[in-house]
Amino acid sequence: MFKLSKSSLRNLDSVHPELVDVVKLAIQITKVDFGIPSTGGYRTAEAQHKLFLDGKSKADGYTNKSYHQTGNAVDVFAYVDCKASWQPEHLSQVACAMLEAAIRLDVNLRWGGHFKSFIDMPHFERIG
């Protein structure tokens, strides 16, 4: 069984408690270790805008806001062979654990891997 690092837990500060519960259950049931990057939890408008300017987000933080700005989204990375991975085969396994945890906890969760207009496999949003 895996465990979230101190930095991953810190990166969940100001994230909605239901979503934090999903992440904490998912780390217990996942087959692939994962973590929360420094920009993977709550974001201010300024932080969101910087990611937009860097080409790392479609939301500019002002006109087009991100679920991260309300604490209703998290991004993850897989942790494989002692290093971060954003490979689809690893993120898909993390997604299975996240979606299973959401079902168990009755949290409405949307995965960016299921988006129709673009794919954002590290991204999860709490809906409702």
N, C-alpha and C. Protein backbone atom coordinates (compact mmCIF):
# COMPACT_ATOMS: atom_id res chain seq x y z
N MET A 1 0.84 -1.19 0.00
CA MET A 1 0.00 0.00 0.00
C MET A 1 0.88 1.24 0.00
N PHE A 2 0.46 2.23 -0.75
CA PHE A 2 1.22 3.48 -0.87
C PHE A 2 0.71 4.51 0.13
N LYS A 3 1.46 5.60 0.25
CA LYS A 3 1.15 6.66 1.20
C LYS A 3 1.50 8.00 0.55
N LEU A 4 0.66 9.02 0.77
CA LEU A 4 0.97 10.35 0.24
C LEU A 4 2.14 10.96 1.00
N SER A 5 3.01 11.62 0.28
CA SER A 5 4.15 12.30 0.91
C SER A 5 3.67 13.55 1.63
N LYS A 6 4.52 14.10 2.48
CA LYS A 6 4.20 15.34 3.18
C LYS A 6 3.93 16.47 2.19
N SER A 7 4.72 16.53 1.12
CA SER A 7 4.51 17.61 0.15
C SER A 7 3.19 17.42 -0.60
N SER A 8 2.83 16.19 -0.93
CA SER A 8 1.54 15.96 -1.58
C SER A 8 0.39 16.36 -0.66
N LEU A 9 0.50 16.01 0.61
CA LEU A 9 -0.54 16.41 1.58
C LEU A 9 -0.61 17.94 1.69
N ARG A 10 0.53 18.58 1.73
CA ARG A 10 0.57 20.05 1.79
C ARG A 10 -0.06 20.66 0.53
N ASN A 11 0.14 20.02 -0.61
CA ASN A 11 -0.41 20.52 -1.87
C ASN A 11 -1.93 20.34 -1.96
N LEU A 12 -2.50 19.64 -1.00
CA LEU A 12 -3.96 19.49 -0.92
C LEU A 12 -4.60 20.54 -0.01
N ASP A 13 -3.79 21.42 0.59
CA ASP A 13 -4.34 22.51 1.41
C ASP A 13 -5.32 23.32 0.57
N SER A 14 -6.45 23.66 1.14
CA SER A 14 -7.51 24.46 0.51
C SER A 14 -8.25 23.73 -0.60
N VAL A 15 -8.01 22.43 -0.77
CA VAL A 15 -8.81 21.62 -1.68
C VAL A 15 -10.04 21.16 -0.91
N HIS A 16 -11.18 21.06 -1.59
CA HIS A 16 -12.43 20.66 -0.95
C HIS A 16 -12.23 19.34 -0.19
N PRO A 17 -12.73 19.27 1.05
CA PRO A 17 -12.52 18.06 1.88
C PRO A 17 -12.98 16.76 1.23
N GLU A 18 -14.08 16.79 0.47
CA GLU A 18 -14.53 15.57 -0.19
C GLU A 18 -13.50 15.07 -1.21
N LEU A 19 -12.88 16.01 -1.91
CA LEU A 19 -11.87 15.64 -2.90
C LEU A 19 -10.61 15.14 -2.22
N VAL A 20 -10.25 15.74 -1.11
CA VAL A 20 -9.10 15.26 -0.33
C VAL A 20 -9.37 13.83 0.13
N ASP A 21 -10.59 13.55 0.59
CA ASP A 21 -10.94 12.19 1.01
C ASP A 21 -10.80 11.19 -0.14
N VAL A 22 -11.20 11.61 -1.34
CA VAL A 22 -11.06 10.74 -2.51
C VAL A 22 -9.58 10.42 -2.76
N VAL A 23 -8.74 11.44 -2.73
CA VAL A 23 -7.30 11.25 -2.95
C VAL A 23 -6.72 10.31 -1.89
N LYS A 24 -7.10 10.52 -0.63
CA LYS A 24 -6.56 9.70 0.46
C LYS A 24 -7.01 8.25 0.37
N LEU A 25 -8.22 8.00 -0.09
CA LEU A 25 -8.65 6.61 -0.29
C LEU A 25 -7.99 6.02 -1.53
N ALA A 26 -7.89 6.81 -2.59
CA ALA A 26 -7.30 6.31 -3.83
C ALA A 26 -5.85 5.86 -3.63
N ILE A 27 -5.08 6.57 -2.82
CA ILE A 27 -3.68 6.17 -2.59
C ILE A 27 -3.60 4.82 -1.88
N GLN A 28 -4.65 4.47 -1.16
CA GLN A 28 -4.68 3.18 -0.46
C GLN A 28 -5.04 2.03 -1.39
N ILE A 29 -5.77 2.31 -2.47
CA ILE A 29 -6.24 1.22 -3.33
C ILE A 29 -5.55 1.18 -4.70
N THR A 30 -4.74 2.17 -5.01
CA THR A 30 -4.09 2.23 -6.32
C THR A 30 -3.06 1.13 -6.50
N LYS A 31 -2.86 0.74 -7.75
CA LYS A 31 -1.80 -0.21 -8.09
C LYS A 31 -0.53 0.52 -8.51
N VAL A 32 -0.64 1.85 -8.73
CA VAL A 32 0.50 2.69 -9.11
C VAL A 32 0.57 3.85 -8.14
N ASP A 33 1.71 4.05 -7.53
CA ASP A 33 1.90 5.16 -6.60
C ASP A 33 1.68 6.49 -7.33
N PHE A 34 1.23 7.49 -6.60
CA PHE A 34 1.03 8.81 -7.20
C PHE A 34 1.20 9.91 -6.17
N GLY A 35 1.30 11.13 -6.66
CA GLY A 35 1.43 12.29 -5.79
C GLY A 35 0.72 13.49 -6.39
N ILE A 36 0.71 14.58 -5.64
CA ILE A 36 0.10 15.83 -6.06
C ILE A 36 1.23 16.84 -6.28
N PRO A 37 1.39 17.35 -7.51
CA PRO A 37 2.47 18.32 -7.75
C PRO A 37 2.18 19.66 -7.07
N SER A 38 3.17 20.52 -7.02
CA SER A 38 3.04 21.80 -6.31
C SER A 38 1.92 22.67 -6.86
N THR A 39 1.60 22.55 -8.14
CA THR A 39 0.50 23.33 -8.72
C THR A 39 -0.76 22.47 -8.89
N GLY A 40 -0.80 21.32 -8.25
CA GLY A 40 -1.88 20.37 -8.47
C GLY A 40 -3.12 20.53 -7.63
N GLY A 41 -3.10 21.44 -6.67
CA GLY A 41 -4.27 21.64 -5.82
C GLY A 41 -4.90 23.00 -6.07
N TYR A 42 -5.21 23.70 -4.98
CA TYR A 42 -5.82 25.02 -5.08
C TYR A 42 -4.88 26.01 -5.76
N ARG A 43 -5.45 26.88 -6.60
CA ARG A 43 -4.67 27.91 -7.30
C ARG A 43 -5.34 29.27 -7.19
N THR A 44 -4.56 30.28 -6.96
CA THR A 44 -5.05 31.66 -7.04
C THR A 44 -5.23 32.01 -8.52
N ALA A 45 -5.91 33.12 -8.79
CA ALA A 45 -6.07 33.58 -10.17
C ALA A 45 -4.71 33.85 -10.80
N GLU A 46 -3.81 34.40 -10.02
CA GLU A 46 -2.47 34.70 -10.53
C GLU A 46 -1.71 33.43 -10.90
N ALA A 47 -1.77 32.44 -10.02
CA ALA A 47 -1.08 31.17 -10.30
C ALA A 47 -1.69 30.48 -11.52
N GLN A 48 -3.02 30.54 -11.62
CA GLN A 48 -3.69 29.95 -12.77
C GLN A 48 -3.28 30.66 -14.05
N HIS A 49 -3.20 31.98 -14.00
CA HIS A 49 -2.83 32.77 -15.17
C HIS A 49 -1.41 32.44 -15.63
N LYS A 50 -0.51 32.24 -14.69
CA LYS A 50 0.86 31.87 -15.04
C LYS A 50 0.90 30.54 -15.80
N LEU A 51 0.13 29.56 -15.32
CA LEU A 51 0.08 28.27 -16.02
C LEU A 51 -0.49 28.45 -17.43
N PHE A 52 -1.48 29.33 -17.55
CA PHE A 52 -2.07 29.63 -18.86
C PHE A 52 -1.02 30.24 -19.79
N LEU A 53 -0.28 31.23 -19.29
CA LEU A 53 0.75 31.88 -20.10
C LEU A 53 1.86 30.91 -20.50
N ASP A 54 2.14 29.93 -19.62
CA ASP A 54 3.16 28.92 -19.90
C ASP A 54 2.65 27.81 -20.82
N GLY A 55 1.38 27.90 -21.23
CA GLY A 55 0.79 26.88 -22.10
C GLY A 55 0.43 25.59 -21.41
N LYS A 56 0.32 25.62 -20.07
CA LYS A 56 0.04 24.41 -19.30
C LYS A 56 -1.42 24.30 -18.88
N SER A 57 -2.24 25.30 -19.24
CA SER A 57 -3.66 25.27 -18.92
C SER A 57 -4.44 26.04 -19.97
N LYS A 58 -5.68 25.62 -20.18
CA LYS A 58 -6.56 26.34 -21.11
C LYS A 58 -7.34 27.44 -20.39
N ALA A 59 -7.33 27.43 -19.06
CA ALA A 59 -8.04 28.44 -18.26
C ALA A 59 -7.08 29.56 -17.90
N ASP A 60 -7.48 30.80 -18.19
CA ASP A 60 -6.59 31.95 -17.93
C ASP A 60 -6.65 32.46 -16.49
N GLY A 61 -7.62 31.98 -15.71
CA GLY A 61 -7.72 32.37 -14.31
C GLY A 61 -8.60 33.57 -14.06
N TYR A 62 -8.96 34.28 -15.10
CA TYR A 62 -9.78 35.49 -14.94
C TYR A 62 -11.09 35.36 -15.72
N THR A 63 -11.01 35.31 -17.04
CA THR A 63 -12.22 35.16 -17.86
C THR A 63 -12.68 33.71 -17.84
N ASN A 64 -11.75 32.82 -18.01
CA ASN A 64 -12.01 31.39 -18.02
C ASN A 64 -11.35 30.80 -16.77
N LYS A 65 -12.15 30.53 -15.76
CA LYS A 65 -11.61 30.06 -14.48
C LYS A 65 -11.50 28.54 -14.45
N SER A 66 -10.60 28.08 -13.61
CA SER A 66 -10.34 26.66 -13.43
C SER A 66 -11.03 26.16 -12.16
N TYR A 67 -11.39 24.89 -12.15
CA TYR A 67 -11.93 24.27 -10.94
C TYR A 67 -10.90 24.33 -9.80
N HIS A 68 -9.64 24.44 -10.14
CA HIS A 68 -8.59 24.56 -9.12
C HIS A 68 -8.78 25.82 -8.28
N GLN A 69 -9.34 26.85 -8.86
CA GLN A 69 -9.49 28.13 -8.17
C GLN A 69 -10.57 28.09 -7.09
N THR A 70 -11.42 27.07 -7.12
CA THR A 70 -12.43 26.90 -6.07
C THR A 70 -12.09 25.72 -5.16
N GLY A 71 -10.93 25.11 -5.38
CA GLY A 71 -10.54 23.95 -4.58
C GLY A 71 -11.24 22.68 -4.99
N ASN A 72 -11.85 22.67 -6.17
CA ASN A 72 -12.61 21.52 -6.63
C ASN A 72 -11.89 20.71 -7.71
N ALA A 73 -10.57 20.82 -7.77
CA ALA A 73 -9.81 20.03 -8.73
C ALA A 73 -8.44 19.69 -8.16
N VAL A 74 -7.94 18.55 -8.59
CA VAL A 74 -6.55 18.15 -8.29
C VAL A 74 -5.93 17.58 -9.55
N ASP A 75 -4.65 17.80 -9.67
CA ASP A 75 -3.85 17.14 -10.70
C ASP A 75 -2.91 16.17 -9.98
N VAL A 76 -2.61 15.07 -10.64
CA VAL A 76 -1.73 14.06 -10.05
C VAL A 76 -0.59 13.75 -11.01
N PHE A 77 0.40 13.09 -10.49
CA PHE A 77 1.42 12.46 -11.33
C PHE A 77 1.59 11.05 -10.78
N ALA A 78 1.88 10.12 -11.66
CA ALA A 78 2.20 8.77 -11.20
C ALA A 78 3.64 8.77 -10.72
N TYR A 79 3.97 7.84 -9.86
CA TYR A 79 5.33 7.74 -9.35
C TYR A 79 5.79 6.31 -9.60
N VAL A 80 6.65 6.17 -10.61
CA VAL A 80 7.06 4.84 -11.08
C VAL A 80 8.59 4.79 -11.14
N ASP A 81 9.16 3.72 -10.61
CA ASP A 81 10.61 3.55 -10.63
C ASP A 81 11.34 4.77 -10.06
N CYS A 82 10.81 5.28 -8.96
CA CYS A 82 11.42 6.39 -8.22
C CYS A 82 11.44 7.72 -8.98
N LYS A 83 10.52 7.88 -9.94
CA LYS A 83 10.44 9.17 -10.64
C LYS A 83 9.01 9.44 -11.09
N ALA A 84 8.72 10.72 -11.29
CA ALA A 84 7.40 11.13 -11.75
C ALA A 84 7.14 10.65 -13.16
N SER A 85 5.91 10.25 -13.43
CA SER A 85 5.51 9.79 -14.75
C SER A 85 4.15 10.39 -15.10
N TRP A 86 4.04 10.85 -16.34
CA TRP A 86 2.77 11.30 -16.87
C TRP A 86 2.36 10.42 -18.05
N GLN A 87 2.89 9.21 -18.08
CA GLN A 87 2.58 8.28 -19.15
C GLN A 87 1.13 7.81 -19.03
N PRO A 88 0.42 7.74 -20.15
CA PRO A 88 -0.99 7.35 -20.11
C PRO A 88 -1.26 6.02 -19.40
N GLU A 89 -0.38 5.04 -19.59
CA GLU A 89 -0.62 3.74 -18.94
C GLU A 89 -0.53 3.84 -17.41
N HIS A 90 0.28 4.75 -16.90
CA HIS A 90 0.38 4.94 -15.45
C HIS A 90 -0.76 5.80 -14.93
N LEU A 91 -1.06 6.89 -15.64
CA LEU A 91 -2.14 7.78 -15.20
C LEU A 91 -3.50 7.09 -15.29
N SER A 92 -3.68 6.19 -16.23
CA SER A 92 -4.93 5.43 -16.33
C SER A 92 -5.16 4.58 -15.10
N GLN A 93 -4.09 4.00 -14.58
CA GLN A 93 -4.23 3.17 -13.38
C GLN A 93 -4.54 4.03 -12.15
N VAL A 94 -3.93 5.21 -12.08
CA VAL A 94 -4.26 6.14 -10.99
C VAL A 94 -5.72 6.56 -11.12
N ALA A 95 -6.16 6.83 -12.35
CA ALA A 95 -7.55 7.24 -12.58
C ALA A 95 -8.52 6.16 -12.11
N CYS A 96 -8.19 4.90 -12.35
CA CYS A 96 -9.06 3.81 -11.88
C CYS A 96 -9.24 3.89 -10.37
N ALA A 97 -8.15 4.13 -9.65
CA ALA A 97 -8.23 4.22 -8.19
C ALA A 97 -9.01 5.47 -7.76
N MET A 98 -8.78 6.60 -8.42
CA MET A 98 -9.49 7.83 -8.07
C MET A 98 -10.99 7.67 -8.32
N LEU A 99 -11.36 7.10 -9.45
CA LEU A 99 -12.78 6.94 -9.77
C LEU A 99 -13.44 5.92 -8.85
N GLU A 100 -12.73 4.86 -8.52
CA GLU A 100 -13.25 3.86 -7.57
C GLU A 100 -13.45 4.50 -6.20
N ALA A 101 -12.48 5.28 -5.74
CA ALA A 101 -12.60 5.96 -4.44
C ALA A 101 -13.78 6.91 -4.44
N ALA A 102 -13.98 7.63 -5.52
CA ALA A 102 -15.11 8.56 -5.61
C ALA A 102 -16.44 7.82 -5.53
N ILE A 103 -16.52 6.67 -6.19
CA ILE A 103 -17.75 5.86 -6.12
C ILE A 103 -17.99 5.40 -4.69
N ARG A 104 -16.96 4.88 -4.05
CA ARG A 104 -17.11 4.40 -2.66
C ARG A 104 -17.54 5.51 -1.71
N LEU A 105 -17.06 6.74 -1.96
CA LEU A 105 -17.35 7.86 -1.07
C LEU A 105 -18.54 8.70 -1.55
N ASP A 106 -19.17 8.28 -2.64
CA ASP A 106 -20.32 8.98 -3.21
C ASP A 106 -20.00 10.44 -3.54
N VAL A 107 -18.85 10.63 -4.19
CA VAL A 107 -18.42 11.96 -4.64
C VAL A 107 -18.48 11.96 -6.17
N ASN A 108 -19.15 12.96 -6.72
CA ASN A 108 -19.26 13.08 -8.18
C ASN A 108 -17.94 13.62 -8.72
N LEU A 109 -17.20 12.77 -9.42
CA LEU A 109 -15.86 13.11 -9.88
C LEU A 109 -15.79 12.96 -11.40
N ARG A 110 -15.19 13.95 -12.03
CA ARG A 110 -14.97 13.91 -13.48
C ARG A 110 -13.46 13.85 -13.72
N TRP A 111 -13.06 12.94 -14.63
CA TRP A 111 -11.64 12.76 -14.95
C TRP A 111 -11.35 13.44 -16.29
N GLY A 112 -10.25 14.19 -16.33
CA GLY A 112 -9.83 14.87 -17.55
C GLY A 112 -9.49 13.93 -18.69
N GLY A 113 -9.24 12.67 -18.39
CA GLY A 113 -9.01 11.67 -19.43
C GLY A 113 -10.26 11.37 -20.23
N HIS A 114 -11.43 11.80 -19.71
CA HIS A 114 -12.70 11.60 -20.40
C HIS A 114 -13.22 12.88 -21.07
N PHE A 115 -12.47 13.97 -20.99
CA PHE A 115 -12.90 15.20 -21.64
C PHE A 115 -13.04 14.96 -23.15
N LYS A 116 -14.02 15.61 -23.76
CA LYS A 116 -14.25 15.43 -25.20
C LYS A 116 -13.42 16.37 -26.05
N SER A 117 -13.21 17.60 -25.60
CA SER A 117 -12.52 18.58 -26.44
C SER A 117 -11.00 18.47 -26.37
N PHE A 118 -10.49 17.95 -25.26
CA PHE A 118 -9.05 17.72 -25.10
C PHE A 118 -8.86 16.72 -23.97
N ILE A 119 -7.73 16.09 -23.92
CA ILE A 119 -7.44 15.09 -22.88
C ILE A 119 -6.49 15.69 -21.86
N ASP A 120 -6.86 15.57 -20.57
CA ASP A 120 -6.05 16.08 -19.47
C ASP A 120 -5.97 14.98 -18.40
N MET A 121 -5.17 13.96 -18.69
CA MET A 121 -5.16 12.75 -17.86
C MET A 121 -4.78 12.96 -16.40
N PRO A 122 -3.96 13.94 -16.03
CA PRO A 122 -3.64 14.13 -14.62
C PRO A 122 -4.75 14.81 -13.81
N HIS A 123 -5.82 15.29 -14.46
CA HIS A 123 -6.79 16.19 -13.86
C HIS A 123 -8.07 15.49 -13.40
N PHE A 124 -8.53 15.86 -12.19
CA PHE A 124 -9.78 15.36 -11.62
C PHE A 124 -10.57 16.53 -11.04
N GLU A 125 -11.87 16.57 -11.31
CA GLU A 125 -12.73 17.63 -10.81
C GLU A 125 -13.88 17.08 -9.99
N ARG A 126 -14.11 17.71 -8.85
CA ARG A 126 -15.29 17.42 -8.04
C ARG A 126 -16.44 18.25 -8.58
N ILE A 127 -17.55 17.59 -8.93
CA ILE A 127 -18.71 18.25 -9.49
C ILE A 127 -19.82 18.28 -8.44
N GLY A 128 -20.44 19.44 -8.30
CA GLY A 128 -21.59 19.52 -7.39
C GLY A 128 -21.33 20.14 -6.13
